[in-house]
Amino acid sequence: MASPDGLRAVRYGKWPLIALASTVALETGERLSLSQAVEGIKDEFGVTDQALGWLAFAMVLIGVLGAFPIGALTDRVRRRNRLLAGAMVIWTIVMGLNGLATSFALLFAARLGVGAVEANGPAAISLLADYYPVDERAKRMGLYQSGAFIGAMVGLLGGGVAVGLGGWRWAFFMWVPFGVVSVGLLLRQPEPRRGDQDADFEVSLAVAGETLAASGLPAAVAVLPAARRVGSLDYATCSNRAVFREICRIPSMWFGVLSLTVGQLMLTSLQFWGVPYFKRVHDLSEAQAGGVAALLGIGSIFGILGGGFLADRYLRRGYINARVYVTAVGSVAASVVLVPAFASTSLVVTAPLFFLGGIFLTLPVAPSEALVSDVVVSELRGRAATIRSVVRALSALGPLLVGTLSRTLGDDADSLRLALVAITPVYAVGGLLMLRAAKHYPADLAFVVAESRRARERETGG
């Protein structure tokens, strides 16, 4: 059904969001159940922490390589059924192959297959941006990303139980039926038209301002600046080289990507080493360690949802840079909380700080993901997401960095604890980088709005 108030975009319900969130839930949950399998893999195949760190890093690198063709296809074909559903079919098959591995080399090869399938992120982000309005985008990104933390909870708790009952291989077998359900959900969703949500942004922002004024709530003056440039590309036919040049002209996207990269360095480290940390430092079983580590996941759900709702709320009140500031505050606060959490050897101290750290650690995720989508025209978002994936792949160094540092310090419980303490302050750097985007974001957003309007006007002849 078309939207009211002169808006062009169709209003979509909850099911597209649920379908997309299921993909990130399974991918993230499986990585966390891998964390439950780490000690079993280490014992069976006789590998070091450093080798296990390479297992995570190599998987993400393959995901980056796969993102190149996926990104190009995202901008050219129907994203919902030809890309995402097909990718999840392959992912489900590869899960079974992980569980059947009879050597570390075969397991390593199977993990590369998982990484290739996880390149479907560009299609999911592109779809989300076209399903939902710009002033709801951070909230929707938060709900989408919360699927990752629901999956993480299943991976930590369910993975711990599965590994405890059936051995490390069941950390992978348990995901096969979930993959089948995800494919079914994706195939039932519509394909949204590109760019309508961006073209509607100023109208929807004006409507929000009128609503606030009528209710007497305070609001800033919500006026986008003039775009600093005029589009010169035919987005349907331009070359990949021209696309790359165009994306290089978006400074706020690059500051946002760098911030996300630094932030993800910490998040990927905790996803991989959180359970081994509680096992080694606090002498917990698989299930107990998964339960305590799940405190980070519980806090993360509050953070990822809260960050999106908070950023959108202030955007609708006219604070155009709301997404920038929510990201910066959350990043700095996470470092302040998590350093003492890992420095302490008392579970009574670490557990509640771990919960608070989860909130602040993920508060920036939805606003920053929305920001880097806001400033790219809809016809290029798939390839822009590929470039972001290449840069953000550096965050996969987190598990390897922690594993290498742990081995250097002694490869024992205390060395792992100290390695996590050392890497945690890096998260604050990501927030400070995001502040640099505040100068450029409003004009970059204005360019996308103007380009989307022109495209709609060309289609209608007006």
Protein backbone atom coordinates (compact mmCIF):
# COMPACT_ATOMS: atom_id res chain seq x y z
CA MET A 1 0.00 0.00 0.00
CA ALA A 2 1.39 3.42 -0.93
CA SER A 3 2.33 5.84 1.84
CA PRO A 4 0.27 8.94 2.72
CA ASP A 5 1.27 12.62 2.72
CA GLY A 6 2.74 12.59 -0.78
CA LEU A 7 5.39 9.99 0.08
CA ARG A 8 6.42 7.68 -2.74
CA ALA A 9 7.61 4.61 -0.84
CA VAL A 10 5.50 1.58 0.01
CA ARG A 11 5.04 0.75 3.69
CA TYR A 12 6.35 -2.70 4.53
CA GLY A 13 5.54 -4.63 7.65
CA LYS A 14 7.66 -6.64 10.04
CA TRP A 15 8.22 -9.80 7.98
CA PRO A 16 10.96 -8.52 5.64
CA LEU A 17 12.89 -7.41 8.72
CA ILE A 18 12.39 -10.77 10.43
CA ALA A 19 13.53 -12.65 7.32
CA LEU A 20 16.69 -10.54 6.98
CA ALA A 21 17.43 -10.72 10.71
CA SER A 22 17.27 -14.52 10.51
CA THR A 23 20.29 -14.56 8.19
CA VAL A 24 22.51 -12.53 10.49
CA ALA A 25 21.22 -14.50 13.50
CA LEU A 26 22.36 -17.79 12.02
CA GLU A 27 25.69 -16.48 10.79
CA THR A 28 26.58 -14.85 14.11
CA GLY A 29 25.20 -17.66 16.23
CA GLU A 30 27.25 -20.20 14.34
CA ARG A 31 30.42 -18.20 14.97
CA LEU A 32 29.63 -18.18 18.69
CA SER A 33 29.00 -21.91 18.74
CA LEU A 34 32.40 -22.23 17.05
CA SER A 35 33.75 -20.50 20.14
CA GLN A 36 32.20 -23.31 22.20
CA ALA A 37 33.98 -25.83 19.99
CA VAL A 38 37.43 -24.19 20.27
CA GLU A 39 38.73 -26.31 23.15
CA GLY A 40 37.47 -29.54 21.56
CA ILE A 41 39.08 -28.65 18.21
CA LYS A 42 42.32 -27.75 19.97
CA ASP A 43 42.41 -31.06 21.85
CA GLU A 44 41.42 -33.27 18.90
CA PHE A 45 43.70 -31.74 16.29
CA GLY A 46 46.53 -30.49 18.57
CA VAL A 47 46.63 -26.87 17.35
CA THR A 48 47.65 -23.65 19.13
CA ASP A 49 45.65 -20.51 19.99
CA GLN A 50 47.39 -18.76 17.12
CA ALA A 51 46.19 -21.41 14.64
CA LEU A 52 42.66 -21.07 16.00
CA GLY A 53 42.92 -17.31 15.52
CA TRP A 54 43.82 -17.90 11.87
CA LEU A 55 40.71 -20.08 11.57
CA ALA A 56 38.50 -17.06 12.29
CA PHE A 57 40.59 -14.59 10.29
CA ALA A 58 40.80 -16.66 7.10
CA MET A 59 37.04 -17.23 7.11
CA VAL A 60 36.36 -13.49 7.10
CA LEU A 61 38.90 -12.87 4.33
CA ILE A 62 37.05 -15.32 2.10
CA GLY A 63 33.86 -13.47 2.98
CA VAL A 64 35.44 -10.26 1.71
CA LEU A 65 36.42 -11.85 -1.61
CA GLY A 66 32.91 -13.21 -2.01
CA ALA A 67 31.49 -9.76 -1.32
CA PHE A 68 32.83 -8.42 -4.67
CA PRO A 69 30.54 -10.45 -6.94
CA ILE A 70 27.69 -10.27 -4.41
CA GLY A 71 27.99 -6.47 -4.21
CA ALA A 72 27.89 -6.07 -7.99
CA LEU A 73 24.91 -8.43 -8.29
CA THR A 74 23.10 -6.62 -5.47
CA ASP A 75 22.98 -3.48 -7.59
CA ARG A 76 21.80 -5.35 -10.70
CA VAL A 77 19.40 -8.19 -9.78
CA ARG A 78 16.55 -9.05 -7.45
CA ARG A 79 18.23 -9.27 -4.08
CA ARG A 80 15.75 -11.24 -2.00
CA ASN A 81 15.49 -14.56 -3.85
CA ARG A 82 18.43 -14.69 -6.25
CA LEU A 83 21.08 -13.72 -3.71
CA LEU A 84 20.03 -14.13 -0.10
CA ALA A 85 17.90 -17.26 -0.32
CA GLY A 86 20.47 -19.01 -2.52
CA ALA A 87 23.29 -18.05 -0.19
CA MET A 88 21.44 -19.46 2.81
CA VAL A 89 20.88 -22.77 1.01
CA ILE A 90 24.64 -23.09 0.53
CA TRP A 91 25.30 -21.99 4.13
CA THR A 92 23.05 -24.75 5.45
CA ILE A 93 24.91 -27.40 3.46
CA VAL A 94 28.31 -26.08 4.57
CA MET A 95 27.24 -26.28 8.23
CA GLY A 96 26.92 -30.03 7.86
CA LEU A 97 30.36 -30.24 6.22
CA ASN A 98 31.94 -28.39 9.17
CA GLY A 99 30.63 -31.05 11.53
CA LEU A 100 31.94 -33.88 9.34
CA ALA A 101 35.56 -32.61 9.17
CA THR A 102 38.11 -35.31 10.08
CA SER A 103 41.21 -33.08 10.23
CA PHE A 104 42.07 -29.46 10.97
CA ALA A 105 42.83 -28.92 7.27
CA LEU A 106 39.36 -30.14 6.27
CA LEU A 107 37.75 -28.04 9.00
CA PHE A 108 39.73 -25.03 7.79
CA ALA A 109 38.48 -25.62 4.23
CA ALA A 110 34.89 -25.93 5.44
CA ARG A 111 35.21 -22.68 7.39
CA LEU A 112 36.28 -20.96 4.17
CA GLY A 113 32.98 -22.08 2.67
CA VAL A 114 31.09 -20.45 5.54
CA GLY A 115 33.04 -17.23 4.97
CA ALA A 116 32.13 -17.15 1.29
CA VAL A 117 28.42 -17.44 2.06
CA GLU A 118 28.61 -14.71 4.71
CA ALA A 119 29.40 -12.26 1.90
CA ASN A 120 25.64 -11.76 1.48
CA GLY A 121 25.69 -8.72 3.79
CA PRO A 122 25.61 -6.16 0.93
CA ALA A 123 22.28 -7.55 -0.29
CA ALA A 124 20.73 -7.49 3.19
CA ILE A 125 21.82 -3.91 3.92
CA SER A 126 20.64 -2.72 0.51
CA LEU A 127 17.23 -4.32 1.03
CA LEU A 128 16.82 -2.84 4.51
CA ALA A 129 17.54 0.66 3.21
CA ASP A 130 14.80 0.28 0.58
CA TYR A 131 12.25 -1.40 2.84
CA TYR A 132 12.15 1.29 5.57
CA PRO A 133 12.23 5.15 5.83
CA VAL A 134 15.50 7.02 6.44
CA ASP A 135 14.31 8.39 9.80
CA GLU A 136 13.60 4.81 10.93
CA ARG A 137 16.74 3.32 9.38
CA ALA A 138 18.88 3.16 12.52
CA LYS A 139 16.03 1.55 14.45
CA ARG A 140 15.50 -1.01 11.69
CA MET A 141 19.25 -1.62 11.45
CA GLY A 142 19.21 -2.19 15.20
CA LEU A 143 16.36 -4.68 14.96
CA TYR A 144 18.15 -6.40 12.07
CA GLN A 145 21.43 -6.54 13.96
CA SER A 146 19.64 -7.73 17.10
CA GLY A 147 19.14 -10.93 15.17
CA ALA A 148 22.89 -11.37 15.55
CA PHE A 149 22.60 -11.26 19.31
CA ILE A 150 19.62 -13.55 19.42
CA GLY A 151 21.71 -15.93 17.34
CA ALA A 152 24.62 -15.32 19.70
CA MET A 153 22.51 -16.32 22.68
CA VAL A 154 21.50 -19.52 20.92
CA GLY A 155 25.11 -20.12 19.90
CA LEU A 156 26.49 -19.56 23.39
CA LEU A 157 23.82 -21.38 25.41
CA GLY A 158 22.62 -23.93 22.87
CA GLY A 159 26.13 -24.46 21.57
CA GLY A 160 27.39 -25.10 25.09
CA VAL A 161 24.70 -27.69 25.72
CA ALA A 162 25.18 -29.31 22.30
CA VAL A 163 28.96 -29.53 22.71
CA GLY A 164 28.59 -30.78 26.27
CA LEU A 165 26.23 -33.57 25.16
CA GLY A 166 27.56 -34.56 21.76
CA GLY A 167 31.04 -33.09 21.33
CA TRP A 168 32.37 -30.15 19.34
CA ARG A 169 30.87 -31.29 16.01
CA TRP A 170 27.37 -30.52 17.25
CA ALA A 171 28.33 -26.83 17.41
CA PHE A 172 27.75 -27.00 13.62
CA PHE A 173 25.12 -29.72 13.16
CA MET A 174 22.66 -27.83 15.37
CA TRP A 175 22.28 -25.03 12.76
CA VAL A 176 21.10 -27.08 9.77
CA PRO A 177 17.33 -26.98 10.55
CA PHE A 178 17.53 -23.25 11.34
CA GLY A 179 19.01 -22.65 7.88
CA VAL A 180 16.06 -24.37 6.21
CA VAL A 181 13.61 -22.09 8.07
CA SER A 182 15.55 -18.96 7.05
CA VAL A 183 15.39 -19.88 3.35
CA GLY A 184 11.62 -20.31 3.61
CA LEU A 185 11.19 -16.88 5.21
CA LEU A 186 13.30 -15.12 2.55
CA LEU A 187 11.39 -16.61 -0.36
CA ARG A 188 8.10 -15.17 0.94
CA GLN A 189 9.21 -11.48 0.95
CA PRO A 190 8.60 -8.81 -1.76
CA GLU A 191 11.36 -6.94 -3.61
CA PRO A 192 11.27 -3.18 -2.76
CA ARG A 193 11.85 -0.44 -5.34
CA ARG A 194 15.23 1.26 -5.01
CA GLY A 195 15.58 4.84 -3.77
CA ASP A 196 12.00 5.71 -2.81
CA GLN A 197 12.78 5.91 0.91
CA ASP A 198 15.66 8.35 0.27
CA ALA A 199 13.52 10.54 -1.99
CA ASP A 200 10.91 10.78 0.78
CA PHE A 201 13.29 11.79 3.57
CA GLU A 202 12.73 15.56 3.65
CA VAL A 203 8.97 15.13 3.45
CA SER A 204 8.87 12.59 6.28
CA LEU A 205 11.22 14.75 8.38
CA ALA A 206 8.93 17.76 7.87
CA VAL A 207 5.92 15.67 8.92
CA ALA A 208 7.79 14.60 12.07
CA GLY A 209 8.64 18.23 12.82
CA GLU A 210 5.01 19.29 12.49
CA THR A 211 3.96 16.50 14.85
CA LEU A 212 6.53 17.61 17.43
CA ALA A 213 5.48 21.25 17.13
CA ALA A 214 1.82 20.35 17.59
CA SER A 215 2.62 18.34 20.73
CA GLY A 216 4.86 21.06 22.20
CA LEU A 217 7.98 18.84 22.29
CA PRO A 218 11.37 20.52 21.73
CA ALA A 219 13.01 20.10 18.34
CA ALA A 220 15.92 21.53 16.39
CA VAL A 221 15.50 23.16 12.99
CA ALA A 222 15.48 20.14 10.68
CA VAL A 223 16.86 21.51 7.41
CA LEU A 224 19.28 19.66 5.19
CA PRO A 225 22.06 21.79 3.70
CA ALA A 226 22.47 22.08 -0.03
CA ALA A 227 24.30 19.17 -1.66
CA ARG A 228 27.92 20.08 -2.37
CA ARG A 229 27.95 18.33 -5.74
CA VAL A 230 25.67 17.20 -8.56
CA GLY A 231 25.53 13.59 -9.72
CA SER A 232 27.12 12.87 -13.10
CA LEU A 233 26.78 9.07 -13.38
CA ASP A 234 24.25 6.89 -15.12
CA TYR A 235 23.95 4.49 -12.20
CA ALA A 236 22.43 1.71 -14.32
CA THR A 237 25.32 1.50 -16.80
CA CYS A 238 28.41 2.99 -15.10
CA SER A 239 31.57 0.89 -14.73
CA ASN A 240 32.87 -0.45 -11.44
CA ARG A 241 35.81 1.95 -11.72
CA ALA A 242 33.41 4.90 -11.99
CA VAL A 243 31.47 3.55 -8.99
CA PHE A 244 34.68 3.39 -6.96
CA ARG A 245 35.56 6.98 -7.86
CA GLU A 246 32.07 8.09 -6.86
CA ILE A 247 32.27 6.33 -3.49
CA CYS A 248 35.66 7.87 -2.81
CA ARG A 249 33.90 11.26 -2.90
CA ILE A 250 31.82 10.46 0.21
CA PRO A 251 33.98 11.45 3.23
CA SER A 252 31.39 10.68 5.92
CA MET A 253 31.10 7.09 4.68
CA TRP A 254 34.83 6.55 5.05
CA PHE A 255 34.96 7.97 8.58
CA GLY A 256 31.99 5.78 9.44
CA VAL A 257 33.65 2.68 7.96
CA LEU A 258 36.90 3.32 9.83
CA SER A 259 34.95 3.72 13.05
CA LEU A 260 33.05 0.49 12.43
CA THR A 261 36.32 -1.31 11.64
CA VAL A 262 37.98 -0.30 14.88
CA GLY A 263 34.83 -1.07 16.84
CA GLN A 264 34.38 -4.49 15.24
CA LEU A 265 37.97 -5.35 16.17
CA MET A 266 36.86 -5.53 19.78
CA LEU A 267 33.54 -7.20 19.05
CA THR A 268 35.04 -10.01 16.95
CA SER A 269 37.68 -10.60 19.62
CA LEU A 270 35.04 -11.08 22.30
CA GLN A 271 32.86 -13.24 20.07
CA PHE A 272 35.75 -15.64 19.54
CA TRP A 273 37.60 -15.51 22.88
CA GLY A 274 34.79 -14.76 25.35
CA VAL A 275 33.95 -18.38 26.18
CA PRO A 276 37.61 -19.56 26.35
CA TYR A 277 38.31 -16.57 28.63
CA PHE A 278 35.69 -17.64 31.18
CA LYS A 279 36.79 -21.26 30.95
CA ARG A 280 40.46 -20.48 31.54
CA VAL A 281 40.35 -17.51 33.90
CA HIS A 282 37.33 -18.53 35.99
CA ASP A 283 37.48 -22.35 35.62
CA LEU A 284 33.95 -22.71 34.22
CA SER A 285 32.52 -25.58 32.18
CA GLU A 286 31.38 -25.13 28.56
CA ALA A 287 27.77 -24.51 29.55
CA GLN A 288 28.70 -22.27 32.51
CA ALA A 289 31.12 -20.21 30.41
CA GLY A 290 28.49 -19.83 27.71
CA GLY A 291 25.95 -18.71 30.30
CA VAL A 292 28.22 -16.02 31.79
CA ALA A 293 29.43 -14.87 28.37
CA ALA A 294 25.77 -14.57 27.41
CA LEU A 295 25.62 -11.55 29.75
CA LEU A 296 27.48 -9.68 27.03
CA GLY A 297 24.84 -10.84 24.56
CA ILE A 298 21.98 -9.75 26.82
CA GLY A 299 23.53 -6.32 27.32
CA SER A 300 24.22 -6.15 23.60
CA ILE A 301 20.53 -6.54 22.76
CA PHE A 302 19.75 -3.48 24.91
CA GLY A 303 22.61 -1.57 23.32
CA ILE A 304 21.90 -2.36 19.71
CA LEU A 305 18.19 -1.62 20.02
CA GLY A 306 18.73 1.43 22.22
CA GLY A 307 21.32 2.96 19.89
CA GLY A 308 19.00 2.72 16.89
CA PHE A 309 15.94 4.07 18.71
CA LEU A 310 17.95 6.89 20.31
CA ALA A 311 19.61 8.01 17.07
CA ASP A 312 16.33 7.99 15.12
CA ARG A 313 14.48 9.80 17.87
CA TYR A 314 16.90 12.72 17.79
CA LEU A 315 17.06 12.68 13.99
CA ARG A 316 13.28 13.16 13.88
CA ARG A 317 13.72 16.05 16.29
CA GLY A 318 15.97 17.74 13.76
CA TYR A 319 19.44 16.77 15.03
CA ILE A 320 20.91 15.70 11.71
CA ASN A 321 24.18 14.42 13.23
CA ALA A 322 22.42 12.33 15.90
CA ARG A 323 23.86 9.10 14.50
CA VAL A 324 27.40 10.45 14.71
CA TYR A 325 27.14 11.44 18.36
CA VAL A 326 25.41 8.29 19.62
CA THR A 327 28.20 6.24 18.01
CA ALA A 328 30.98 8.30 19.60
CA VAL A 329 29.53 8.22 23.13
CA GLY A 330 28.88 4.48 23.09
CA SER A 331 32.37 3.63 21.86
CA VAL A 332 34.17 5.59 24.55
CA ALA A 333 31.90 4.30 27.32
CA ALA A 334 32.49 0.68 26.26
CA SER A 335 36.24 0.99 26.74
CA VAL A 336 35.78 2.63 30.15
CA VAL A 337 33.64 -0.29 31.38
CA LEU A 338 35.38 -3.29 29.79
CA VAL A 339 38.98 -2.55 30.84
CA PRO A 340 38.26 -3.17 34.55
CA ALA A 341 35.99 -6.10 33.60
CA PHE A 342 38.92 -8.00 32.08
CA ALA A 343 41.50 -6.68 34.52
CA SER A 344 39.64 -8.25 37.45
CA THR A 345 39.98 -11.96 38.28
CA SER A 346 36.77 -11.93 40.34
CA LEU A 347 33.65 -13.19 38.58
CA VAL A 348 31.55 -11.02 40.92
CA VAL A 349 33.24 -7.93 39.45
CA THR A 350 33.57 -9.10 35.85
CA ALA A 351 30.03 -10.40 35.27
CA PRO A 352 28.04 -7.15 35.85
CA LEU A 353 30.67 -5.08 34.03
CA PHE A 354 30.43 -7.53 31.14
CA PHE A 355 26.69 -6.85 30.97
CA LEU A 356 27.21 -3.05 30.97
CA GLY A 357 30.01 -3.42 28.46
CA GLY A 358 27.65 -5.27 26.15
CA ILE A 359 25.26 -2.30 26.21
CA PHE A 360 27.88 0.31 25.39
CA LEU A 361 29.80 -1.95 23.00
CA THR A 362 26.81 -2.24 20.68
CA LEU A 363 25.16 1.16 21.17
CA PRO A 364 27.07 2.48 18.08
CA VAL A 365 26.27 -0.44 15.76
CA ALA A 366 22.85 0.56 14.39
CA PRO A 367 23.53 4.34 14.07
CA SER A 368 26.85 3.80 12.30
CA GLU A 369 25.45 1.15 9.93
CA ALA A 370 22.55 3.48 9.09
CA LEU A 371 24.92 6.40 8.56
CA VAL A 372 27.08 4.62 6.00
CA SER A 373 23.93 3.56 4.11
CA ASP A 374 22.38 7.06 4.27
CA VAL A 375 25.17 8.65 2.26
CA VAL A 376 25.26 6.25 -0.73
CA VAL A 377 22.63 6.33 -3.48
CA SER A 378 20.47 3.21 -3.59
CA GLU A 379 21.77 2.05 -6.98
CA LEU A 380 25.34 1.80 -5.62
CA ARG A 381 24.77 0.45 -2.12
CA GLY A 382 25.73 -3.11 -2.96
CA ARG A 383 29.14 -2.15 -4.32
CA ALA A 384 29.64 0.40 -1.55
CA ALA A 385 28.94 -2.35 0.98
CA THR A 386 31.59 -4.48 -0.73
CA ILE A 387 34.18 -1.73 -0.35
CA ARG A 388 33.14 -1.33 3.29
CA SER A 389 33.57 -5.08 3.75
CA VAL A 390 37.11 -4.94 2.39
CA VAL A 391 38.09 -2.15 4.78
CA ARG A 392 36.23 -3.63 7.73
CA ALA A 393 37.86 -7.02 7.14
CA LEU A 394 40.73 -5.62 9.16
CA SER A 395 38.51 -6.10 12.21
CA ALA A 396 38.93 -9.85 11.71
CA LEU A 397 42.47 -9.34 12.98
CA GLY A 398 40.94 -9.10 16.46
CA PRO A 399 40.88 -12.85 17.29
CA LEU A 400 44.28 -13.34 15.64
CA LEU A 401 45.76 -10.35 17.48
CA VAL A 402 44.45 -11.55 20.84
CA GLY A 403 45.57 -15.14 20.14
CA THR A 404 49.06 -14.02 19.10
CA LEU A 405 49.39 -11.69 22.08
CA SER A 406 48.19 -14.44 24.40
CA ARG A 407 50.77 -16.86 23.00
CA THR A 408 53.53 -14.23 23.35
CA LEU A 409 52.59 -13.70 27.00
CA GLY A 410 52.55 -17.42 27.78
CA ASP A 411 49.50 -19.05 26.12
CA ASP A 412 47.74 -19.61 29.45
CA ALA A 413 44.77 -18.22 31.40
CA ASP A 414 46.49 -15.07 32.65
CA SER A 415 48.00 -14.27 29.26
CA LEU A 416 44.56 -14.39 27.60
CA ARG A 417 43.16 -12.06 30.27
CA LEU A 418 45.98 -9.55 29.80
CA ALA A 419 45.65 -9.71 26.01
CA LEU A 420 41.98 -8.73 26.27
CA VAL A 421 42.81 -5.89 28.66
CA ALA A 422 45.36 -4.57 26.18
CA ILE A 423 43.05 -4.53 23.16
CA THR A 424 39.94 -3.08 24.85
CA PRO A 425 40.94 0.65 24.78
CA VAL A 426 41.08 0.49 20.98
CA TYR A 427 37.27 0.68 20.89
CA ALA A 428 37.30 4.29 22.09
CA VAL A 429 39.42 5.21 19.06
CA GLY A 430 36.57 4.18 16.78
CA GLY A 431 34.23 6.64 18.47
CA LEU A 432 36.69 9.48 18.12
CA LEU A 433 37.08 8.70 14.42
CA MET A 434 33.32 8.89 13.93
CA LEU A 435 33.26 12.46 15.25
CA ARG A 436 35.14 13.47 12.09
CA ALA A 437 32.06 12.50 10.05
CA ALA A 438 29.91 15.24 11.63
CA LYS A 439 31.37 17.88 9.32
CA HIS A 440 30.43 16.00 6.13
CA TYR A 441 27.40 13.82 6.88
CA PRO A 442 24.58 16.40 6.38
CA ALA A 443 25.81 17.41 2.91
CA ASP A 444 26.44 13.80 1.86
CA LEU A 445 22.92 12.87 2.97
CA ALA A 446 21.49 15.86 1.07
CA PHE A 447 23.19 14.61 -2.12
CA VAL A 448 21.53 11.17 -1.83
CA VAL A 449 18.12 12.75 -1.24
CA ALA A 450 18.53 15.05 -4.25
CA GLU A 451 19.70 12.24 -6.54
CA SER A 452 16.83 9.97 -5.49
CA ARG A 453 14.29 12.73 -6.12
CA ARG A 454 15.71 13.41 -9.57
CA ALA A 455 15.51 9.71 -10.43
CA ARG A 456 11.85 9.53 -9.37
CA GLU A 457 11.03 12.72 -11.28
CA ARG A 458 12.65 11.33 -14.44
CA GLU A 459 10.50 8.20 -14.12
CA THR A 460 7.28 10.19 -13.77
CA GLY A 461 8.20 12.86 -16.31
CA GLY A 462 7.93 15.59 -13.66
